[in-house]
Protein backbone atom coordinates (compact mmCIF):
# COMPACT_ATOMS: atom_id res chain seq x y z
CA UNK A 1 0.00 0.00 0.00
CA UNK A 2 1.11 3.52 -0.83
CA UNK A 3 0.52 6.36 1.59
CA UNK A 4 0.77 10.13 1.25
CA UNK A 5 1.05 12.59 4.14
CA UNK A 6 -0.41 16.07 3.68
CA UNK A 7 0.59 18.48 6.45
CA UNK A 8 -1.68 21.52 6.58
CA UNK A 9 -0.52 24.80 8.09
CA UNK A 10 0.97 28.05 6.80
CA UNK A 11 3.29 28.06 9.82
CA UNK A 12 5.05 24.99 8.36
CA UNK A 13 5.73 26.75 5.07
CA UNK A 14 7.06 29.82 6.87
CA UNK A 15 9.48 27.70 8.87
CA UNK A 16 7.96 28.80 12.16
CA UNK A 17 7.70 25.21 13.39
CA UNK A 18 9.35 21.96 12.33
CA UNK A 19 7.19 19.23 10.83
CA UNK A 20 7.83 16.56 13.45
CA UNK A 21 4.42 15.00 12.71
CA UNK A 22 5.53 13.80 9.28
CA UNK A 23 8.71 12.28 10.70
CA UNK A 24 6.76 10.40 13.38
CA UNK A 25 4.13 9.18 10.92
CA UNK A 26 6.68 8.05 8.33
CA UNK A 27 8.55 5.97 10.90
CA UNK A 28 5.34 4.35 12.13
CA UNK A 29 4.02 3.68 8.64
CA UNK A 30 7.32 2.15 7.56
CA UNK A 31 7.17 -0.21 10.54
CA UNK A 32 3.78 -1.37 9.22
CA UNK A 33 5.18 -2.05 5.78
CA UNK A 34 3.29 0.88 4.28
CA UNK A 35 5.28 2.81 1.69
CA UNK A 36 5.35 6.58 2.15
CA UNK A 37 6.24 7.90 -1.28
CA UNK A 38 5.14 11.50 -0.85
CA UNK A 39 4.97 14.18 1.85
CA UNK A 40 3.37 17.53 1.11
CA UNK A 41 3.21 20.75 3.13
CA UNK A 42 0.37 23.09 2.18
CA UNK A 43 -0.81 26.36 3.70
CA UNK A 44 -4.23 27.13 5.12
CA UNK A 45 -5.75 27.63 1.69
CA UNK A 46 -8.78 25.73 0.37
CA UNK A 47 -7.90 25.74 -3.33
CA UNK A 48 -4.32 24.60 -2.80
CA UNK A 49 -5.45 21.85 -0.44
CA UNK A 50 -8.00 20.69 -3.03
CA UNK A 51 -5.17 20.52 -5.56
CA UNK A 52 -3.07 18.41 -3.14
CA UNK A 53 -6.00 16.05 -2.54
CA UNK A 54 -6.52 15.60 -6.28
CA UNK A 55 -2.87 14.66 -6.76
CA UNK A 56 -2.80 12.37 -3.72
CA UNK A 57 -5.98 10.53 -4.68
CA UNK A 58 -4.48 9.68 -8.07
CA UNK A 59 -1.30 8.11 -6.71
CA UNK A 60 -1.89 6.87 -3.14
CA UNK A 61 -4.08 4.30 -1.39
CA UNK A 62 -3.98 6.00 2.00
CA UNK A 63 -4.09 9.76 2.56
CA UNK A 64 -3.19 11.11 6.00
CA UNK A 65 -3.84 14.79 6.69
CA UNK A 66 -2.55 16.62 9.76
CA UNK A 67 -3.49 20.04 11.09
CA UNK A 68 -6.23 22.53 10.30
CA UNK A 69 -8.79 21.06 12.71
CA UNK A 70 -9.11 24.05 15.03
CA UNK A 71 -12.09 26.40 15.52
CA UNK A 72 -10.84 29.39 13.52
CA UNK A 73 -11.72 30.48 9.98
CA UNK A 74 -8.39 29.31 8.55
CA UNK A 75 -8.85 25.77 9.90
CA UNK A 76 -10.24 24.29 6.68
CA UNK A 77 -9.08 20.68 6.54
CA UNK A 78 -12.33 18.81 7.23
CA UNK A 79 -14.46 21.16 5.11
CA UNK A 80 -12.09 20.89 2.18
CA UNK A 81 -11.73 17.11 2.43
CA UNK A 82 -15.52 16.72 2.62
CA UNK A 83 -15.95 18.90 -0.47
CA UNK A 84 -13.34 16.97 -2.44
CA UNK A 85 -14.89 13.58 -1.67
CA UNK A 86 -18.45 14.97 -2.07
CA UNK A 87 -19.46 14.22 1.51
CA UNK A 88 -21.66 16.20 3.87
CA UNK A 89 -20.32 17.51 7.17
CA UNK A 90 -22.32 15.98 10.01
CA UNK A 91 -22.31 17.23 13.60
CA UNK A 92 -21.50 14.57 16.17
CA UNK A 93 -23.49 15.04 19.38
CA UNK A 94 -21.04 13.18 21.62
CA UNK A 95 -18.12 15.28 20.40
CA UNK A 96 -20.14 18.45 20.99
CA UNK A 97 -20.74 17.43 24.60
CA UNK A 98 -17.05 16.57 25.09
CA UNK A 99 -15.99 19.98 23.81
CA UNK A 100 -18.37 21.69 26.23
CA UNK A 101 -17.10 19.53 29.10
CA UNK A 102 -13.48 20.28 28.18
CA UNK A 103 -14.01 24.03 28.49
CA UNK A 104 -16.04 23.67 31.66
CA UNK A 105 -13.35 21.55 33.30
CA UNK A 106 -10.61 24.01 32.33
CA UNK A 107 -12.79 26.93 33.53
CA UNK A 108 -12.44 28.74 30.21
CA UNK A 109 -15.09 30.61 28.27
CA UNK A 110 -16.22 28.71 25.19
CA UNK A 111 -17.04 30.57 21.98
CA UNK A 112 -19.52 29.30 19.38
CA UNK A 113 -16.86 28.63 16.75
CA UNK A 114 -15.55 25.72 18.85
CA UNK A 115 -18.58 23.67 17.76
CA UNK A 116 -16.94 23.55 14.34
CA UNK A 117 -14.67 20.86 15.77
CA UNK A 118 -17.70 18.56 16.18
CA UNK A 119 -18.29 18.43 12.39
CA UNK A 120 -17.05 15.40 10.43
CA UNK A 121 -17.37 14.04 6.88
CA UNK A 122 -20.37 11.68 6.83
CA UNK A 123 -19.50 8.04 7.45
CA UNK A 124 -16.43 8.89 9.53
CA UNK A 125 -15.16 6.89 12.44
CA UNK A 126 -14.39 9.55 15.03
CA UNK A 127 -11.08 9.40 16.88
CA UNK A 128 -11.36 10.72 20.43
CA UNK A 129 -8.89 13.41 21.51
CA UNK A 130 -8.06 13.10 25.20
CA UNK A 131 -5.45 15.85 24.98
CA UNK A 132 -7.35 18.63 23.22
CA UNK A 133 -10.65 19.67 21.67
CA UNK A 134 -10.12 18.57 18.04
CA UNK A 135 -10.92 14.89 17.40
CA UNK A 136 -9.63 13.15 14.32
CA UNK A 137 -11.47 10.81 11.99
CA UNK A 138 -11.13 7.98 9.48
CA UNK A 139 -13.32 7.27 6.47
CA UNK A 140 -13.17 5.39 3.17
CA UNK A 141 -14.35 6.75 -0.16
CA UNK A 142 -13.66 5.81 -3.77
CA UNK A 143 -11.26 3.08 -2.63
CA UNK A 144 -9.16 5.55 -0.62
CA UNK A 145 -8.61 5.40 3.11
CA UNK A 146 -8.49 8.91 4.55
CA UNK A 147 -7.15 9.74 8.02
CA UNK A 148 -7.48 13.24 9.49
CA UNK A 149 -5.43 14.09 12.60
CA UNK A 150 -4.81 17.21 14.71
CA UNK A 151 -1.51 19.02 14.21
CA UNK A 152 -0.07 19.34 17.75
CA UNK A 153 2.23 16.34 18.37
CA UNK A 154 0.91 15.97 21.93
CA UNK A 155 -2.49 15.23 20.40
CA UNK A 156 -1.48 13.50 17.17
CA UNK A 157 0.91 10.91 18.62
CA UNK A 158 -1.44 9.30 21.19
CA UNK A 159 -4.33 9.44 18.71
CA UNK A 160 -2.30 7.67 16.05
CA UNK A 161 -0.98 5.05 18.47
CA UNK A 162 -4.38 4.34 20.02
CA UNK A 163 -6.60 4.33 16.93
CA UNK A 164 -4.86 4.73 13.59
CA UNK A 165 -2.03 2.25 14.08
CA UNK A 166 -4.40 -0.67 14.91
CA UNK A 167 -6.63 0.29 11.96
CA UNK A 168 -3.76 0.34 9.48
CA UNK A 169 -2.26 -2.83 10.93
CA UNK A 170 -5.55 -4.66 10.30
CA UNK A 171 -5.29 -3.91 6.58
CA UNK A 172 -2.41 -6.35 6.06
CA UNK A 173 -1.32 -9.75 7.35
CA UNK A 174 2.32 -8.87 6.81
CA UNK A 175 4.62 -8.71 9.83
CA UNK A 176 7.34 -6.08 9.69
CA UNK A 177 10.53 -6.49 11.73
CA UNK A 178 13.39 -3.98 11.78
CA UNK A 179 16.87 -3.86 13.25
CA UNK A 180 19.37 -1.00 13.23
CA UNK A 181 23.10 -1.73 12.98
CA UNK A 182 25.33 1.11 14.21
CA UNK A 183 28.77 1.77 12.72
CA UNK A 184 31.48 4.20 13.82
CA UNK A 185 34.79 5.04 12.18
CA UNK A 186 33.68 4.71 8.54
CA UNK A 187 31.91 7.46 6.58
CA UNK A 188 28.49 7.06 5.00
CA UNK A 189 29.75 7.05 1.40
CA UNK A 190 32.32 4.35 2.20
CA UNK A 191 29.72 2.29 4.06
CA UNK A 192 27.38 2.48 1.09
CA UNK A 193 30.15 1.42 -1.29
CA UNK A 194 31.06 -1.56 0.90
CA UNK A 195 27.47 -2.87 0.94
CA UNK A 196 26.31 -1.79 -2.51
CA UNK A 197 25.15 -5.32 -3.38
CA UNK A 198 23.25 -5.75 -0.11
CA UNK A 199 21.50 -2.39 -0.60
CA UNK A 200 19.86 -3.84 -3.73
CA UNK A 201 17.96 -6.38 -1.60
CA UNK A 202 14.17 -5.96 -1.78
CA UNK A 203 13.27 -8.08 1.24
CA UNK A 204 14.87 -7.45 3.63
CA UNK A 205 15.66 -3.88 2.66
CA UNK A 206 18.80 -2.18 3.97
CA UNK A 207 18.88 1.60 4.28
CA UNK A 208 21.93 3.68 5.35
CA UNK A 209 21.61 6.89 7.35
CA UNK A 210 24.12 9.16 9.07
CA UNK A 211 23.19 10.40 12.53
CA UNK A 212 25.02 12.16 15.33
CA UNK A 213 28.50 11.24 14.18
CA UNK A 214 27.90 7.62 13.20
CA UNK A 215 26.25 5.63 10.41
CA UNK A 216 23.25 3.34 10.78
CA UNK A 217 22.03 0.54 8.54
CA UNK A 218 18.34 -0.21 9.07
CA UNK A 219 17.36 -3.75 8.06
CA UNK A 220 13.62 -4.23 7.49
CA UNK A 221 12.05 -7.59 6.70
CA UNK A 222 8.47 -8.38 5.72
CA UNK A 223 6.88 -11.80 6.20
CA UNK A 224 3.71 -13.56 7.33
CA UNK A 225 5.65 -15.05 10.23
CA UNK A 226 7.70 -13.14 12.80
CA UNK A 227 10.35 -15.87 13.12
CA UNK A 228 10.87 -15.94 9.36
CA UNK A 229 11.30 -12.17 9.36
CA UNK A 230 13.83 -12.34 12.20
CA UNK A 231 15.74 -15.09 10.39
CA UNK A 232 15.95 -12.91 7.28
CA UNK A 233 17.34 -10.06 9.38
CA UNK A 234 19.79 -12.35 11.18
CA UNK A 235 21.22 -13.46 7.85
CA UNK A 236 21.76 -9.88 6.68
CA UNK A 237 23.28 -8.87 10.03
CA UNK A 238 25.73 -11.78 9.80
CA UNK A 239 26.83 -10.52 6.38
CA UNK A 240 27.21 -6.96 7.67
CA UNK A 241 29.29 -8.10 10.64
CA UNK A 242 31.64 -9.94 8.28
CA UNK A 243 32.08 -6.73 6.29
CA UNK A 244 32.35 -4.15 9.09
CA UNK A 245 33.51 -6.23 12.06
CA UNK A 246 35.01 -4.06 14.79
CA UNK A 247 33.41 -0.89 13.39
CA UNK A 248 29.97 -2.09 14.51
CA UNK A 249 29.48 -0.81 18.04
CA UNK A 250 25.81 -1.44 18.71
CA UNK A 251 22.32 -2.45 17.64
CA UNK A 252 18.92 -0.71 17.91
CA UNK A 253 18.83 1.37 21.13
CA UNK A 254 22.54 0.95 21.93
CA UNK A 255 24.57 4.15 22.17
CA UNK A 256 28.35 4.41 22.19
CA UNK A 257 28.23 5.64 25.78
CA UNK A 258 25.90 2.87 26.98
CA UNK A 259 28.11 0.22 25.38
CA UNK A 260 31.23 1.68 27.04
CA UNK A 261 29.56 2.02 30.45
CA UNK A 262 28.33 -1.58 30.33
CA UNK A 263 31.81 -2.82 29.41
CA UNK A 264 33.31 -0.90 32.33
CA UNK A 265 30.71 -2.34 34.70
CA UNK A 266 31.22 -5.89 33.43
CA UNK A 267 34.97 -5.65 33.95
CA UNK A 268 34.78 -3.76 37.25
CA UNK A 269 36.75 -0.77 35.93
CA UNK A 270 36.37 2.92 36.74
CA UNK A 271 36.80 6.02 34.59
CA UNK A 272 37.72 9.69 34.91
CA UNK A 273 37.82 12.37 32.21
CA UNK A 274 39.67 15.60 31.50
CA UNK A 275 38.23 17.84 28.79
CA UNK A 276 39.24 21.06 27.15
CA UNK A 277 37.63 21.85 23.77
CA UNK A 278 34.63 19.56 24.35
CA UNK A 279 33.72 21.53 27.47
CA UNK A 280 32.05 18.67 29.32
CA UNK A 281 30.32 17.02 26.35
CA UNK A 282 32.16 13.75 26.97
CA UNK A 283 31.15 13.58 30.62
CA UNK A 284 27.62 14.66 29.70
CA UNK A 285 27.29 11.71 27.32
CA UNK A 286 28.65 9.35 29.96
CA UNK A 287 26.35 10.59 32.72
CA UNK A 288 23.30 10.38 30.43
CA UNK A 289 23.45 6.60 30.95
CA UNK A 290 21.58 5.39 34.06
CA UNK A 291 23.96 3.88 36.61
CA UNK A 292 26.98 5.82 35.34
CA UNK A 293 27.98 6.67 38.92
CA UNK A 294 29.07 3.05 39.43
CA UNK A 295 32.04 3.56 37.13
CA UNK A 296 32.40 7.29 36.38
CA UNK A 297 34.22 8.87 39.32
CA UNK A 298 35.59 12.23 38.22
CA UNK A 299 35.27 14.72 35.38
CA UNK A 300 37.34 17.88 34.94
CA UNK A 301 36.76 20.67 32.43
CA UNK A 302 40.15 22.33 32.12
CA UNK A 303 39.60 24.94 29.44
CA UNK A 304 42.47 27.26 30.28
CA UNK A 305 46.18 26.52 30.54
CA UNK A 306 46.05 27.52 34.22
CA UNK A 307 43.35 24.96 35.00
CA UNK A 308 45.33 22.25 33.21
CA UNK A 309 48.32 23.11 35.38
CA UNK A 310 46.48 23.65 38.68
CA UNK A 311 43.82 20.92 38.54
CA UNK A 312 45.49 18.26 36.39
CA UNK A 313 49.08 19.10 37.30
CA UNK A 314 50.10 19.28 33.65
CA UNK A 315 53.65 20.62 33.48
CA UNK A 316 53.81 24.28 32.49
CA UNK A 317 56.99 23.41 30.59
CA UNK A 318 55.07 20.91 28.42
CA UNK A 319 52.42 23.51 27.62
CA UNK A 320 55.08 26.15 26.92
CA UNK A 321 57.09 23.90 24.60
CA UNK A 322 54.31 21.98 22.85
CA UNK A 323 51.15 24.01 23.43
CA UNK A 324 47.84 23.12 25.08
CA UNK A 325 46.76 21.36 21.89
CA UNK A 326 49.42 18.69 21.53
CA UNK A 327 50.07 14.99 21.93
CA UNK A 328 52.20 15.69 25.00
CA UNK A 329 49.49 17.69 26.78
CA UNK A 330 46.80 15.10 25.99
CA UNK A 331 49.11 12.41 27.35
CA UNK A 332 49.68 14.30 30.62
CA UNK A 333 45.99 15.12 31.00
CA UNK A 334 44.92 11.47 30.63
CA UNK A 335 47.53 10.00 32.95
CA UNK A 336 47.20 12.71 35.58
CA UNK A 337 43.41 12.64 35.78
CA UNK A 338 43.61 8.85 36.19
CA UNK A 339 46.15 9.15 39.00
CA UNK A 340 44.46 12.06 40.77
CA UNK A 341 41.06 10.36 40.79
CA UNK A 342 42.52 6.87 41.35
CA UNK A 343 40.53 5.30 38.53
CA UNK A 344 41.47 2.49 36.15
CA UNK A 345 41.10 4.65 33.04
CA UNK A 346 41.76 8.30 32.28
CA UNK A 347 40.35 9.85 29.11
CA UNK A 348 41.39 13.29 27.87
CA UNK A 349 40.48 15.63 25.01
CA UNK A 350 42.27 18.82 23.96
CA UNK A 351 41.85 20.60 20.65
CA UNK A 352 40.69 23.56 18.58
CA UNK A 353 36.92 23.44 18.05
CA UNK A 354 36.81 26.73 16.12
CA UNK A 355 35.66 28.67 14.32
CA UNK A 356 38.72 30.74 15.25
CA UNK A 357 42.01 29.93 16.95
CA UNK A 358 43.55 27.78 14.24
CA UNK A 359 46.94 28.20 12.56
CA UNK A 360 48.70 26.58 9.62
CA UNK A 361 50.49 24.22 12.00
CA UNK A 362 47.41 23.64 14.17
CA UNK A 363 44.23 24.12 12.12
CA UNK A 364 40.68 24.31 13.40
CA UNK A 365 39.45 20.76 13.98
CA UNK A 366 42.78 19.47 15.29
CA UNK A 367 42.15 17.37 18.40
CA UNK A 368 44.28 15.06 20.52
CA UNK A 369 42.62 12.33 22.57
CA UNK A 370 44.48 10.56 25.36
CA UNK A 371 43.61 7.21 26.95
CA UNK A 372 45.54 6.17 30.05
CA UNK A 373 45.47 2.66 31.50
CA UNK A 374 47.97 1.41 34.07
CA UNK A 375 51.33 2.83 32.95
CA UNK A 376 50.41 3.22 29.29
CA UNK A 377 48.93 6.19 27.45
CA UNK A 378 47.54 6.01 23.92
CA UNK A 379 47.14 9.29 22.06
CA UNK A 380 45.08 9.72 18.92
CA UNK A 381 45.45 12.70 16.58
CA UNK A 382 42.19 13.69 14.97
CA UNK A 383 41.32 16.35 12.41
CA UNK A 384 37.58 16.93 12.13
CA UNK A 385 35.72 18.88 9.47
CA UNK A 386 32.57 20.87 10.11
CA UNK A 387 31.45 23.51 12.55
CA UNK A 388 32.23 23.79 16.25
CA UNK A 389 29.44 21.46 17.34
CA UNK A 390 30.53 18.77 14.87
CA UNK A 391 34.15 18.98 16.01
CA UNK A 392 33.12 18.62 19.65
CA UNK A 393 30.73 15.73 18.97
CA UNK A 394 33.22 13.88 16.77
CA UNK A 395 35.90 14.26 19.44
CA UNK A 396 33.67 12.87 22.19
CA UNK A 397 32.61 9.94 20.00
CA UNK A 398 36.20 9.09 19.07
CA UNK A 399 37.22 9.23 22.74
CA UNK A 400 34.47 6.78 23.69
CA UNK A 401 35.36 4.55 20.75
CA UNK A 402 39.01 4.46 21.86
CA UNK A 403 37.87 3.25 25.26
CA UNK A 404 35.48 0.71 23.70
CA UNK A 405 38.28 -0.69 21.59
CA UNK A 406 40.67 -0.99 24.53
CA UNK A 407 38.03 -2.67 26.68
CA UNK A 408 37.27 -5.23 23.96
CA UNK A 409 40.88 -5.87 22.97
CA UNK A 410 40.58 -4.21 19.56
CA UNK A 411 43.32 -2.22 17.87
CA UNK A 412 43.21 1.52 18.58
CA UNK A 413 43.59 3.58 15.42
CA UNK A 414 46.10 6.41 15.87
């Protein structure tokens, strides 16, 4: 089945709000095996919405509209949809009572135009809205299944999950199973090249995506039996692991930081960090994992040379001779934070996040990452492209990956 999402609202076209509804709906529809081939944003304009409906009805089996269900004059979705499909608008008595009760409970004055929200195209199944005054609806006409939902995500998401998802699921006997493989240390274009043959697979499908400094490969299988679907995914994952091996750090909800924290817990090791250019991003990622306090004992943000000397006891001579951004300083930071905090591992980051501060010898994006364990210190030189946020994120991810590799006995790339 092919589905089209039409998002109604001039505020979307003006860029005043992001269309998170379409993202949510596309993910849910994909999990049901429903193909979303088109997404359209249209303003609060009857004629343009009629044009969108004409196009959608010619190329899609399911049409989902969001927004434009409010009480004001520019909320035209239901009226326009009813006109296009040649249906009358019928007032629903139960919805009318619920709207009155909603305003009474919230002790707000209700104006007459709110009754507009109790009108629905004839033959609709009404979708109750427990989080607002605008119910949604579902109807079928001319072989098309039409779903109308409110725009606010706090209303749309529970309504879709409670009513629309079960309805759409009942339309097919297919079972859809997905798994996300997470890869770090290889760029998206290289990943795609390495699995070009696998990407041609129709069932399961494999789709690459870059997110937050790493690459994901989503495997999606369709079958009439859940175990068959899982077996299809297992076979693809086995092939991917043969190709990418140590670069795969997690699956589905795994994060780099959760993987590292679990490895530390399993081995009974503790960790401390010393950060300069990342300004606490590394420790923030670590402490975002529940139970981090079991292994994460100390985090220092030593942005200035003085703080590196006073807190981490980095030699002023090293900073004078080599600079704050250097292999030598990263080495001292990692070893000293480990010794000061009496942890098993010390992890340090020092660099130039930009946009200014770079030189020919030390350009923006140059970062040194130190990893201290026992009497050894490993230092990685990294040059990241992109803006300040990307440099900081990439540095934190590489630091965590260095620790992951050491904990699992993998080679650390310098």
